Amino acid sequence: VRGDRSPNLEKSGYVLHTTSDPDVFIAEIDTVFDGDGDDV
């Protein structure tokens, strides 16, 4: 559904981790969705 939750970019965040292999990286992500009273 197009109207379902969208991520709150101001509250969300990520960290990129490089590895010893230059062709591999890891993304650690916390996506925050605004909820009715509580964020998810």
Full PDB file with SEQRES, HELIX, SHEET, SSBOND, CRYST1, ORIGX, SCALE, CONECT and MASTER records, all heavy atoms in Angstrom:
SEQRES   1 A   40  VAL ARG GLY ASP ARG SER PRO ASN LEU GLU LYS SER GLY          
SEQRES   2 A   40  TYR VAL LEU HIS THR THR SER ASP PRO ASP VAL PHE ILE          
SEQRES   3 A   40  ALA GLU ILE ASP THR VAL PHE ASP GLY ASP GLY ASP ASP          
SEQRES   4 A   40  VAL                                                          
SHEET    1 AA1 2 GLY A  13  THR A  18  0                                        
SHEET    2 AA1 2 PHE A  25  ASP A  30 -1                                        
CRYST1    1.000    1.000    1.000  90.00  90.00  90.00 P 1           1          
ORIGX1      1.000000  0.000000  0.000000        0.00000                         
ORIGX2      0.000000  1.000000  0.000000        0.00000                         
ORIGX3      0.000000  0.000000  1.000000        0.00000                         
SCALE1      1.000000  0.000000  0.000000        0.00000                         
SCALE2      0.000000  1.000000  0.000000        0.00000                         
SCALE3      0.000000  0.000000  1.000000        0.00000                         
ATOM      1  N   VAL A   1       0.862  -1.183   0.000  1.00  0.00           N  
ATOM      2  CA  VAL A   1       0.000   0.000   0.000  1.00  0.00           C  
ATOM      3  C   VAL A   1       0.895   1.229   0.000  1.00  0.00           C  
ATOM      4  O   VAL A   1       1.790   1.363   0.825  1.00  0.00           O  
ATOM      5  CB  VAL A   1      -0.906   0.002   1.252  1.00  0.00           C  
ATOM      6  CG1 VAL A   1      -1.752   1.253   1.310  1.00  0.00           C  
ATOM      7  CG2 VAL A   1      -1.769  -1.244   1.267  1.00  0.00           C  
ATOM      8  N   ARG A   2       0.664   2.136  -0.936  1.00  0.00           N  
ATOM      9  CA  ARG A   2       1.509   3.322  -1.081  1.00  0.00           C  
ATOM     10  C   ARG A   2       1.488   4.185   0.178  1.00  0.00           C  
ATOM     11  O   ARG A   2       2.465   4.830   0.512  1.00  0.00           O  
ATOM     12  CB  ARG A   2       1.020   4.122  -2.294  1.00  0.00           C  
ATOM     13  CG  ARG A   2       2.046   4.829  -3.103  1.00  0.00           C  
ATOM     14  CD  ARG A   2       3.330   4.057  -3.247  1.00  0.00           C  
ATOM     15  NE  ARG A   2       4.278   4.871  -3.966  1.00  0.00           N  
ATOM     16  CZ  ARG A   2       5.550   4.963  -3.672  1.00  0.00           C  
ATOM     17  NH1 ARG A   2       6.055   4.303  -2.686  1.00  0.00           N  
ATOM     18  NH2 ARG A   2       6.350   5.715  -4.379  1.00  0.00           N  
ATOM     19  N   GLY A   3       0.383   4.196   0.874  1.00  0.00           N  
ATOM     20  CA  GLY A   3       0.271   5.056   2.043  1.00  0.00           C  
ATOM     21  C   GLY A   3       0.827   4.454   3.321  1.00  0.00           C  
ATOM     22  O   GLY A   3       0.736   5.053   4.362  1.00  0.00           O  
ATOM     23  N   ASP A   4       1.393   3.242   3.231  1.00  0.00           N  
ATOM     24  CA  ASP A   4       1.897   2.666   4.473  1.00  0.00           C  
ATOM     25  C   ASP A   4       3.140   3.417   4.944  1.00  0.00           C  
ATOM     26  O   ASP A   4       3.606   4.336   4.316  1.00  0.00           O  
ATOM     27  CB  ASP A   4       2.117   1.155   4.361  1.00  0.00           C  
ATOM     28  CG  ASP A   4       3.277   0.736   3.464  1.00  0.00           C  
ATOM     29  OD1 ASP A   4       3.990   1.613   2.961  1.00  0.00           O  
ATOM     30  OD2 ASP A   4       3.436  -0.471   3.289  1.00  0.00           O  
ATOM     31  N   ARG A   5       3.633   3.023   6.069  1.00  0.00           N  
ATOM     32  CA  ARG A   5       4.711   3.758   6.736  1.00  0.00           C  
ATOM     33  C   ARG A   5       5.907   4.042   5.838  1.00  0.00           C  
ATOM     34  O   ARG A   5       6.340   3.200   5.082  1.00  0.00           O  
ATOM     35  CB  ARG A   5       5.207   2.947   7.924  1.00  0.00           C  
ATOM     36  CG  ARG A   5       4.157   2.586   8.905  1.00  0.00           C  
ATOM     37  CD  ARG A   5       4.719   1.703   9.976  1.00  0.00           C  
ATOM     38  NE  ARG A   5       5.226   0.460   9.378  1.00  0.00           N  
ATOM     39  CZ  ARG A   5       5.867  -0.468  10.040  1.00  0.00           C  
ATOM     40  NH1 ARG A   5       6.106  -0.318  11.300  1.00  0.00           N  
ATOM     41  NH2 ARG A   5       6.285  -1.553   9.447  1.00  0.00           N  
ATOM     42  N   SER A   6       6.437   5.220   5.988  1.00  0.00           N  
ATOM     43  CA  SER A   6       7.685   5.585   5.323  1.00  0.00           C  
ATOM     44  C   SER A   6       8.732   5.791   6.404  1.00  0.00           C  
ATOM     45  O   SER A   6       8.416   6.207   7.514  1.00  0.00           O  
ATOM     46  CB  SER A   6       7.512   6.881   4.526  1.00  0.00           C  
ATOM     47  OG  SER A   6       6.655   6.666   3.440  1.00  0.00           O  
ATOM     48  N   PRO A   7       9.988   5.530   6.075  1.00  0.00           N  
ATOM     49  CA  PRO A   7      11.029   5.720   7.084  1.00  0.00           C  
ATOM     50  C   PRO A   7      11.210   7.197   7.435  1.00  0.00           C  
ATOM     51  O   PRO A   7      11.072   8.067   6.586  1.00  0.00           O  
ATOM     52  CB  PRO A   7      12.293   5.179   6.418  1.00  0.00           C  
ATOM     53  CG  PRO A   7      11.952   4.842   5.022  1.00  0.00           C  
ATOM     54  CD  PRO A   7      10.491   5.002   4.824  1.00  0.00           C  
ATOM     55  N   ASN A   8      11.485   7.450   8.704  1.00  0.00           N  
ATOM     56  CA  ASN A   8      11.813   8.794   9.164  1.00  0.00           C  
ATOM     57  C   ASN A   8      13.332   8.931   9.033  1.00  0.00           C  
ATOM     58  O   ASN A   8      14.092   8.378   9.830  1.00  0.00           O  
ATOM     59  CB  ASN A   8      11.374   8.979  10.609  1.00  0.00           C  
ATOM     60  CG  ASN A   8      11.662  10.371  11.117  1.00  0.00           C  
ATOM     61  OD1 ASN A   8      12.708  10.951  10.815  1.00  0.00           O  
ATOM     62  ND2 ASN A   8      10.757  10.904  11.914  1.00  0.00           N  
ATOM     63  N   LEU A   9      13.765   9.649   8.013  1.00  0.00           N  
ATOM     64  CA  LEU A   9      15.192   9.735   7.709  1.00  0.00           C  
ATOM     65  C   LEU A   9      15.987  10.476   8.778  1.00  0.00           C  
ATOM     66  O   LEU A   9      17.171  10.218   8.968  1.00  0.00           O  
ATOM     67  CB  LEU A   9      15.403  10.381   6.344  1.00  0.00           C  
ATOM     68  CG  LEU A   9      14.780   9.621   5.170  1.00  0.00           C  
ATOM     69  CD1 LEU A   9      15.061  10.343   3.865  1.00  0.00           C  
ATOM     70  CD2 LEU A   9      15.259   8.187   5.117  1.00  0.00           C  
ATOM     71  N   GLU A  10      15.336  11.409   9.479  1.00  0.00           N  
ATOM     72  CA  GLU A  10      16.040  12.144  10.525  1.00  0.00           C  
ATOM     73  C   GLU A  10      16.355  11.260  11.726  1.00  0.00           C  
ATOM     74  O   GLU A  10      17.358  11.462  12.400  1.00  0.00           O  
ATOM     75  CB  GLU A  10      15.221  13.361  10.958  1.00  0.00           C  
ATOM     76  CG  GLU A  10      15.157  14.423   9.881  1.00  0.00           C  
ATOM     77  CD  GLU A  10      14.354  15.641  10.314  1.00  0.00           C  
ATOM     78  OE1 GLU A  10      13.994  15.759  11.498  1.00  0.00           O  
ATOM     79  OE2 GLU A  10      14.096  16.485   9.436  1.00  0.00           O  
ATOM     80  N   LYS A  11      15.502  10.278  11.987  1.00  0.00           N  
ATOM     81  CA  LYS A  11      15.704   9.383  13.129  1.00  0.00           C  
ATOM     82  C   LYS A  11      16.472   8.118  12.751  1.00  0.00           C  
ATOM     83  O   LYS A  11      17.035   7.463  13.613  1.00  0.00           O  
ATOM     84  CB  LYS A  11      14.349   8.980  13.722  1.00  0.00           C  
ATOM     85  CG  LYS A  11      13.580  10.126  14.345  1.00  0.00           C  
ATOM     86  CD  LYS A  11      12.269   9.631  14.893  1.00  0.00           C  
ATOM     87  CE  LYS A  11      11.426  10.727  15.490  1.00  0.00           C  
ATOM     88  NZ  LYS A  11      10.123  10.204  15.964  1.00  0.00           N  
ATOM     89  N   SER A  12      16.458   7.752  11.494  1.00  0.00           N  
ATOM     90  CA  SER A  12      17.127   6.537  11.028  1.00  0.00           C  
ATOM     91  C   SER A  12      18.624   6.774  10.881  1.00  0.00           C  
ATOM     92  O   SER A  12      19.076   7.916  10.764  1.00  0.00           O  
ATOM     93  CB  SER A  12      16.549   6.102   9.676  1.00  0.00           C  
ATOM     94  OG  SER A  12      15.169   5.818   9.783  1.00  0.00           O  
ATOM     95  N   GLY A  13      19.374   5.695  10.848  1.00  0.00           N  
ATOM     96  CA  GLY A  13      20.816   5.838  10.680  1.00  0.00           C  
ATOM     97  C   GLY A  13      21.456   4.547  10.204  1.00  0.00           C  
ATOM     98  O   GLY A  13      20.840   3.484  10.233  1.00  0.00           O  
ATOM     99  N   TYR A  14      22.686   4.679   9.748  1.00  0.00           N  
ATOM    100  CA  TYR A  14      23.429   3.503   9.301  1.00  0.00           C  
ATOM    101  C   TYR A  14      24.921   3.742   9.474  1.00  0.00           C  
ATOM    102  O   TYR A  14      25.380   4.879   9.578  1.00  0.00           O  
ATOM    103  CB  TYR A  14      23.112   3.171   7.841  1.00  0.00           C  
ATOM    104  CG  TYR A  14      23.572   4.207   6.852  1.00  0.00           C  
ATOM    105  CD1 TYR A  14      24.844   4.131   6.284  1.00  0.00           C  
ATOM    106  CD2 TYR A  14      22.756   5.274   6.485  1.00  0.00           C  
ATOM    107  CE1 TYR A  14      25.282   5.089   5.379  1.00  0.00           C  
ATOM    108  CE2 TYR A  14      23.190   6.229   5.578  1.00  0.00           C  
ATOM    109  CZ  TYR A  14      24.450   6.126   5.029  1.00  0.00           C  
ATOM    110  OH  TYR A  14      24.887   7.079   4.140  1.00  0.00           O  
ATOM    111  N   VAL A  15      25.635   2.641   9.511  1.00  0.00           N  
ATOM    112  CA  VAL A  15      27.096   2.669   9.546  1.00  0.00           C  
ATOM    113  C   VAL A  15      27.572   1.697   8.484  1.00  0.00           C  
ATOM    114  O   VAL A  15      27.071   0.570   8.395  1.00  0.00           O  
ATOM    115  CB  VAL A  15      27.639   2.242  10.929  1.00  0.00           C  
ATOM    116  CG1 VAL A  15      29.164   2.198  10.921  1.00  0.00           C  
ATOM    117  CG2 VAL A  15      27.132   3.147  12.023  1.00  0.00           C  
ATOM    118  N   LEU A  16      28.510   2.138   7.651  1.00  0.00           N  
ATOM    119  CA  LEU A  16      29.111   1.255   6.660  1.00  0.00           C  
ATOM    120  C   LEU A  16      30.449   0.768   7.199  1.00  0.00           C  
ATOM    121  O   LEU A  16      31.234   1.561   7.719  1.00  0.00           O  
ATOM    122  CB  LEU A  16      29.317   1.974   5.330  1.00  0.00           C  
ATOM    123  CG  LEU A  16      28.053   2.442   4.613  1.00  0.00           C  
ATOM    124  CD1 LEU A  16      28.415   3.078   3.279  1.00  0.00           C  
ATOM    125  CD2 LEU A  16      27.066   1.309   4.415  1.00  0.00           C  
ATOM    126  N   HIS A  17      30.681  -0.529   7.059  1.00  0.00           N  
ATOM    127  CA  HIS A  17      31.924  -1.136   7.514  1.00  0.00           C  
ATOM    128  C   HIS A  17      32.664  -1.680   6.300  1.00  0.00           C  
ATOM    129  O   HIS A  17      32.110  -2.502   5.560  1.00  0.00           O  
ATOM    130  CB  HIS A  17      31.643  -2.288   8.484  1.00  0.00           C  
ATOM    131  CG  HIS A  17      30.847  -1.884   9.675  1.00  0.00           C  
ATOM    132  ND1 HIS A  17      31.412  -1.306  10.792  1.00  0.00           N  
ATOM    133  CD2 HIS A  17      29.519  -1.972   9.927  1.00  0.00           C  
ATOM    134  CE1 HIS A  17      30.464  -1.062  11.685  1.00  0.00           C  
ATOM    135  NE2 HIS A  17      29.310  -1.456  11.186  1.00  0.00           N  
ATOM    136  N   THR A  18      33.877  -1.233   6.090  1.00  0.00           N  
ATOM    137  CA  THR A  18      34.691  -1.808   5.026  1.00  0.00           C  
ATOM    138  C   THR A  18      35.327  -3.089   5.566  1.00  0.00           C  
ATOM    139  O   THR A  18      35.383  -3.316   6.778  1.00  0.00           O  
ATOM    140  CB  THR A  18      35.774  -0.827   4.556  1.00  0.00           C  
ATOM    141  OG1 THR A  18      36.570  -0.436   5.667  1.00  0.00           O  
ATOM    142  CG2 THR A  18      35.147   0.412   3.917  1.00  0.00           C  
ATOM    143  N   THR A  19      35.788  -3.914   4.651  1.00  0.00           N  
ATOM    144  CA  THR A  19      36.406  -5.180   5.043  1.00  0.00           C  
ATOM    145  C   THR A  19      37.788  -5.263   4.411  1.00  0.00           C  
ATOM    146  O   THR A  19      38.175  -4.393   3.627  1.00  0.00           O  
ATOM    147  CB  THR A  19      35.549  -6.377   4.580  1.00  0.00           C  
ATOM    148  OG1 THR A  19      35.603  -6.460   3.152  1.00  0.00           O  
ATOM    149  CG2 THR A  19      34.107  -6.249   5.055  1.00  0.00           C  
ATOM    150  N   SER A  20      38.505  -6.320   4.702  1.00  0.00           N  
ATOM    151  CA  SER A  20      39.833  -6.494   4.101  1.00  0.00           C  
ATOM    152  C   SER A  20      39.728  -6.761   2.601  1.00  0.00           C  
ATOM    153  O   SER A  20      40.692  -6.584   1.871  1.00  0.00           O  
ATOM    154  CB  SER A  20      40.599  -7.627   4.790  1.00  0.00           C  
ATOM    155  OG  SER A  20      39.885  -8.840   4.660  1.00  0.00           O  
ATOM    156  N   ASP A  21      38.543  -7.153   2.136  1.00  0.00           N  
ATOM    157  CA  ASP A  21      38.286  -7.334   0.710  1.00  0.00           C  
ATOM    158  C   ASP A  21      37.694  -6.024   0.185  1.00  0.00           C  
ATOM    159  O   ASP A  21      36.607  -5.626   0.602  1.00  0.00           O  
ATOM    160  CB  ASP A  21      37.307  -8.487   0.497  1.00  0.00           C  
ATOM    161  CG  ASP A  21      37.029  -8.782  -0.965  1.00  0.00           C  
ATOM    162  OD1 ASP A  21      37.216  -7.887  -1.824  1.00  0.00           O  
ATOM    163  OD2 ASP A  21      36.609  -9.916  -1.246  1.00  0.00           O  
ATOM    164  N   PRO A  22      38.358  -5.325  -0.721  1.00  0.00           N  
ATOM    165  CA  PRO A  22      37.850  -4.030  -1.194  1.00  0.00           C  
ATOM    166  C   PRO A  22      36.524  -4.135  -1.954  1.00  0.00           C  
ATOM    167  O   PRO A  22      35.861  -3.114  -2.148  1.00  0.00           O  
ATOM    168  CB  PRO A  22      38.969  -3.513  -2.103  1.00  0.00           C  
ATOM    169  CG  PRO A  22      39.749  -4.717  -2.486  1.00  0.00           C  
ATOM    170  CD  PRO A  22      39.617  -5.697  -1.356  1.00  0.00           C  
ATOM    171  N   ASP A  23      36.120  -5.340  -2.338  1.00  0.00           N  
ATOM    172  CA  ASP A  23      34.857  -5.528  -3.056  1.00  0.00           C  
ATOM    173  C   ASP A  23      33.712  -5.921  -2.137  1.00  0.00           C  
ATOM    174  O   ASP A  23      32.629  -6.268  -2.605  1.00  0.00           O  
ATOM    175  CB  ASP A  23      35.023  -6.598  -4.148  1.00  0.00           C  
ATOM    176  CG  ASP A  23      35.959  -6.141  -5.252  1.00  0.00           C  
ATOM    177  OD1 ASP A  23      36.035  -4.914  -5.498  1.00  0.00           O  
ATOM    178  OD2 ASP A  23      36.620  -6.995  -5.855  1.00  0.00           O  
ATOM    179  N   VAL A  24      33.937  -5.884  -0.823  1.00  0.00           N  
ATOM    180  CA  VAL A  24      32.896  -6.256   0.140  1.00  0.00           C  
ATOM    181  C   VAL A  24      32.776  -5.164   1.193  1.00  0.00           C  
ATOM    182  O   VAL A  24      33.780  -4.698   1.727  1.00  0.00           O  
ATOM    183  CB  VAL A  24      33.222  -7.607   0.823  1.00  0.00           C  
ATOM    184  CG1 VAL A  24      32.199  -7.927   1.911  1.00  0.00           C  
ATOM    185  CG2 VAL A  24      33.287  -8.737  -0.200  1.00  0.00           C  
ATOM    186  N   PHE A  25      31.526  -4.764   1.464  1.00  0.00           N  
ATOM    187  CA  PHE A  25      31.277  -3.878   2.606  1.00  0.00           C  
ATOM    188  C   PHE A  25      29.971  -4.291   3.264  1.00  0.00           C  
ATOM    189  O   PHE A  25      29.152  -4.997   2.680  1.00  0.00           O  
ATOM    190  CB  PHE A  25      31.278  -2.393   2.217  1.00  0.00           C  
ATOM    191  CG  PHE A  25      30.144  -1.936   1.353  1.00  0.00           C  
ATOM    192  CD1 PHE A  25      28.968  -1.449   1.917  1.00  0.00           C  
ATOM    193  CD2 PHE A  25      30.253  -1.958  -0.030  1.00  0.00           C  
ATOM    194  CE1 PHE A  25      27.924  -0.999   1.124  1.00  0.00           C  
ATOM    195  CE2 PHE A  25      29.224  -1.510  -0.834  1.00  0.00           C  
ATOM    196  CZ  PHE A  25      28.047  -1.032  -0.266  1.00  0.00           C  
ATOM    197  N   ILE A  26      29.812  -3.895   4.509  1.00  0.00           N  
ATOM    198  CA  ILE A  26      28.654  -4.274   5.320  1.00  0.00           C  
ATOM    199  C   ILE A  26      27.951  -3.004   5.773  1.00  0.00           C  
ATOM    200  O   ILE A  26      28.596  -2.051   6.216  1.00  0.00           O  
ATOM    201  CB  ILE A  26      29.101  -5.102   6.543  1.00  0.00           C  
ATOM    202  CG1 ILE A  26      29.795  -6.391   6.060  1.00  0.00           C  
ATOM    203  CG2 ILE A  26      27.920  -5.412   7.459  1.00  0.00           C  
ATOM    204  CD1 ILE A  26      30.562  -7.113   7.141  1.00  0.00           C  
ATOM    205  N   ALA A  27      26.626  -3.019   5.656  1.00  0.00           N  
ATOM    206  CA  ALA A  27      25.811  -1.903   6.142  1.00  0.00           C  
ATOM    207  C   ALA A  27      25.036  -2.364   7.371  1.00  0.00           C  
ATOM    208  O   ALA A  27      24.361  -3.386   7.338  1.00  0.00           O  
ATOM    209  CB  ALA A  27      24.844  -1.440   5.062  1.00  0.00           C  
ATOM    210  N   GLU A  28      25.181  -1.611   8.448  1.00  0.00           N  
ATOM    211  CA  GLU A  28      24.455  -1.851   9.690  1.00  0.00           C  
ATOM    212  C   GLU A  28      23.425  -0.726   9.783  1.00  0.00           C  
ATOM    213  O   GLU A  28      23.791   0.444   9.839  1.00  0.00           O  
ATOM    214  CB  GLU A  28      25.459  -1.800  10.835  1.00  0.00           C  
ATOM    215  CG  GLU A  28      24.911  -2.081  12.181  1.00  0.00           C  
ATOM    216  CD  GLU A  28      26.009  -1.979  13.243  1.00  0.00           C  
ATOM    217  OE1 GLU A  28      27.199  -1.762  12.919  1.00  0.00           O  
ATOM    218  OE2 GLU A  28      25.640  -2.092  14.417  1.00  0.00           O  
ATOM    219  N   ILE A  29      22.138  -1.088   9.767  1.00  0.00           N  
ATOM    220  CA  ILE A  29      21.085  -0.089   9.573  1.00  0.00           C  
ATOM    221  C   ILE A  29      20.047  -0.155  10.695  1.00  0.00           C  
ATOM    222  O   ILE A  29      19.624  -1.240  11.105  1.00  0.00           O  
ATOM    223  CB  ILE A  29      20.373  -0.334   8.220  1.00  0.00           C  
ATOM    224  CG1 ILE A  29      21.395  -0.383   7.086  1.00  0.00           C  
ATOM    225  CG2 ILE A  29      19.294   0.715   7.962  1.00  0.00           C  
ATOM    226  CD1 ILE A  29      20.883  -1.044   5.833  1.00  0.00           C  
ATOM    227  N   ASP A  30      19.629   1.008  11.158  1.00  0.00           N  
ATOM    228  CA  ASP A  30      18.473   1.151  12.050  1.00  0.00           C  
ATOM    229  C   ASP A  30      17.512   2.093  11.359  1.00  0.00           C  
ATOM    230  O   ASP A  30      17.775   3.298  11.259  1.00  0.00           O  
ATOM    231  CB  ASP A  30      18.884   1.712  13.413  1.00  0.00           C  
ATOM    232  CG  ASP A  30      19.681   0.714  14.229  1.00  0.00           C  
ATOM    233  OD1 ASP A  30      19.233  -0.446  14.338  1.00  0.00           O  
ATOM    234  OD2 ASP A  30      20.746   1.081  14.743  1.00  0.00           O  
ATOM    235  N   THR A  31      16.418   1.541  10.847  1.00  0.00           N  
ATOM    236  CA  THR A  31      15.405   2.339  10.169  1.00  0.00           C  
ATOM    237  C   THR A  31      14.272   2.604  11.155  1.00  0.00           C  
ATOM    238  O   THR A  31      13.745   1.671  11.755  1.00  0.00           O  
ATOM    239  CB  THR A  31      14.860   1.599   8.928  1.00  0.00           C  
ATOM    240  OG1 THR A  31      15.960   1.270   8.078  1.00  0.00           O  
ATOM    241  CG2 THR A  31      13.869   2.462   8.174  1.00  0.00           C  
ATOM    242  N   VAL A  32      13.908   3.866  11.307  1.00  0.00           N  
ATOM    243  CA  VAL A  32      12.854   4.252  12.238  1.00  0.00           C  
ATOM    244  C   VAL A  32      11.615   4.659  11.445  1.00  0.00           C  
ATOM    245  O   VAL A  32      11.683   5.486  10.532  1.00  0.00           O  
ATOM    246  CB  VAL A  32      13.307   5.423  13.143  1.00  0.00           C  
ATOM    247  CG1 VAL A  32      12.182   5.852  14.075  1.00  0.00           C  
ATOM    248  CG2 VAL A  32      14.552   5.025  13.931  1.00  0.00           C  
ATOM    249  N   PHE A  33      10.491   4.035  11.807  1.00  0.00           N  
ATOM    250  CA  PHE A  33       9.196   4.382  11.233  1.00  0.00           C  
ATOM    251  C   PHE A  33       8.389   5.053  12.324  1.00  0.00           C  
ATOM    252  O   PHE A  33       8.325   4.559  13.449  1.00  0.00           O  
ATOM    253  CB  PHE A  33       8.450   3.129  10.750  1.00  0.00           C  
ATOM    254  CG  PHE A  33       9.155   2.410   9.636  1.00  0.00           C  
ATOM    255  CD1 PHE A  33      10.051   1.389   9.909  1.00  0.00           C  
ATOM    256  CD2 PHE A  33       8.913   2.756   8.316  1.00  0.00           C  
ATOM    257  CE1 PHE A  33      10.698   0.725   8.883  1.00  0.00           C  
ATOM    258  CE2 PHE A  33       9.558   2.097   7.288  1.00  0.00           C  
ATOM    259  CZ  PHE A  33      10.454   1.080   7.569  1.00  0.00           C  
ATOM    260  N   ASP A  34       7.797   6.207  11.995  1.00  0.00           N  
ATOM    261  CA  ASP A  34       6.946   6.888  12.964  1.00  0.00           C  
ATOM    262  C   ASP A  34       5.698   6.056  13.198  1.00  0.00           C  
ATOM    263  O   ASP A  34       5.065   5.592  12.255  1.00  0.00           O  
ATOM    264  CB  ASP A  34       6.561   8.279  12.460  1.00  0.00           C  
ATOM    265  CG  ASP A  34       7.754   9.219  12.389  1.00  0.00           C  
ATOM    266  OD1 ASP A  34       8.652   9.101  13.242  1.00  0.00           O  
ATOM    267  OD2 ASP A  34       7.786  10.061  11.481  1.00  0.00           O  
ATOM    268  N   GLY A  35       5.377   5.863  14.470  1.00  0.00           N  
ATOM    269  CA  GLY A  35       4.186   5.109  14.816  1.00  0.00           C  
ATOM    270  C   GLY A  35       3.180   5.994  15.511  1.00  0.00           C  
ATOM    271  O   GLY A  35       3.420   7.177  15.723  1.00  0.00           O  
ATOM    272  N   ASP A  36       2.059   5.421  15.850  1.00  0.00           N  
ATOM    273  CA  ASP A  36       1.047   6.156  16.607  1.00  0.00           C  
ATOM    274  C   ASP A  36       1.454   6.130  18.073  1.00  0.00           C  
ATOM    275  O   ASP A  36       1.091   5.242  18.821  1.00  0.00           O  
ATOM    276  CB  ASP A  36      -0.335   5.522  16.423  1.00  0.00           C  
ATOM    277  CG  ASP A  36      -0.826   5.604  14.998  1.00  0.00           C  
ATOM    278  OD1 ASP A  36      -0.426   6.545  14.298  1.00  0.00           O  
ATOM    279  OD2 ASP A  36      -1.602   4.721  14.585  1.00  0.00           O  
ATOM    280  N   GLY A  37       2.268   7.094  18.456  1.00  0.00           N  
ATOM    281  CA  GLY A  37       2.744   7.173  19.827  1.00  0.00           C  
ATOM    282  C   GLY A  37       4.116   6.560  20.016  1.00  0.00           C  
ATOM    283  O   GLY A  37       4.908   7.071  20.775  1.00  0.00           O  
ATOM    284  N   ASP A  38       4.379   5.447  19.371  1.00  0.00           N  
ATOM    285  CA  ASP A  38       5.679   4.790  19.506  1.00  0.00           C  
ATOM    286  C   ASP A  38       6.318   4.623  18.142  1.00  0.00           C  
ATOM    287  O   ASP A  38       5.668   4.228  17.181  1.00  0.00           O  
ATOM    288  CB  ASP A  38       5.524   3.401  20.132  1.00  0.00           C  
ATOM    289  CG  ASP A  38       5.148   3.453  21.604  1.00  0.00           C  
ATOM    290  OD1 ASP A  38       5.606   4.375  22.298  1.00  0.00           O  
ATOM    291  OD2 ASP A  38       4.403   2.560  22.043  1.00  0.00           O  
ATOM    292  N   ASP A  39       7.602   4.921  18.077  1.00  0.00           N  
ATOM    293  CA  ASP A  39       8.352   4.671  16.852  1.00  0.00           C  
ATOM    294  C   ASP A  39       8.627   3.175  16.740  1.00  0.00           C  
ATOM    295  O   ASP A  39       8.771   2.481  17.746  1.00  0.00           O  
ATOM    296  CB  ASP A  39       9.685   5.423  16.864  1.00  0.00           C  
ATOM    297  CG  ASP A  39       9.516   6.930  16.763  1.00  0.00           C  
ATOM    298  OD1 ASP A  39       8.431   7.382  16.347  1.00  0.00           O  
ATOM    299  OD2 ASP A  39      10.466   7.645  17.094  1.00  0.00           O  
ATOM    300  N   VAL A  40       8.709   2.697  15.523  1.00  0.00           N  
ATOM    301  CA  VAL A  40       9.067   1.311  15.269  1.00  0.00           C  
ATOM    302  C   VAL A  40      10.461   1.331  14.649  1.00  0.00           C  
ATOM    303  O   VAL A  40      10.689   2.004  13.640  1.00  0.00           O  
ATOM    304  CB  VAL A  40       8.057   0.640  14.307  1.00  0.00           C  
ATOM    305  CG1 VAL A  40       8.500  -0.766  13.965  1.00  0.00           C  
ATOM    306  CG2 VAL A  40       6.662   0.650  14.906  1.00  0.00           C  
TER     307      VAL A  40                                                      
MASTER        0    0    0    0    2    0    0    6  306    1    0    4          
END                                                                             
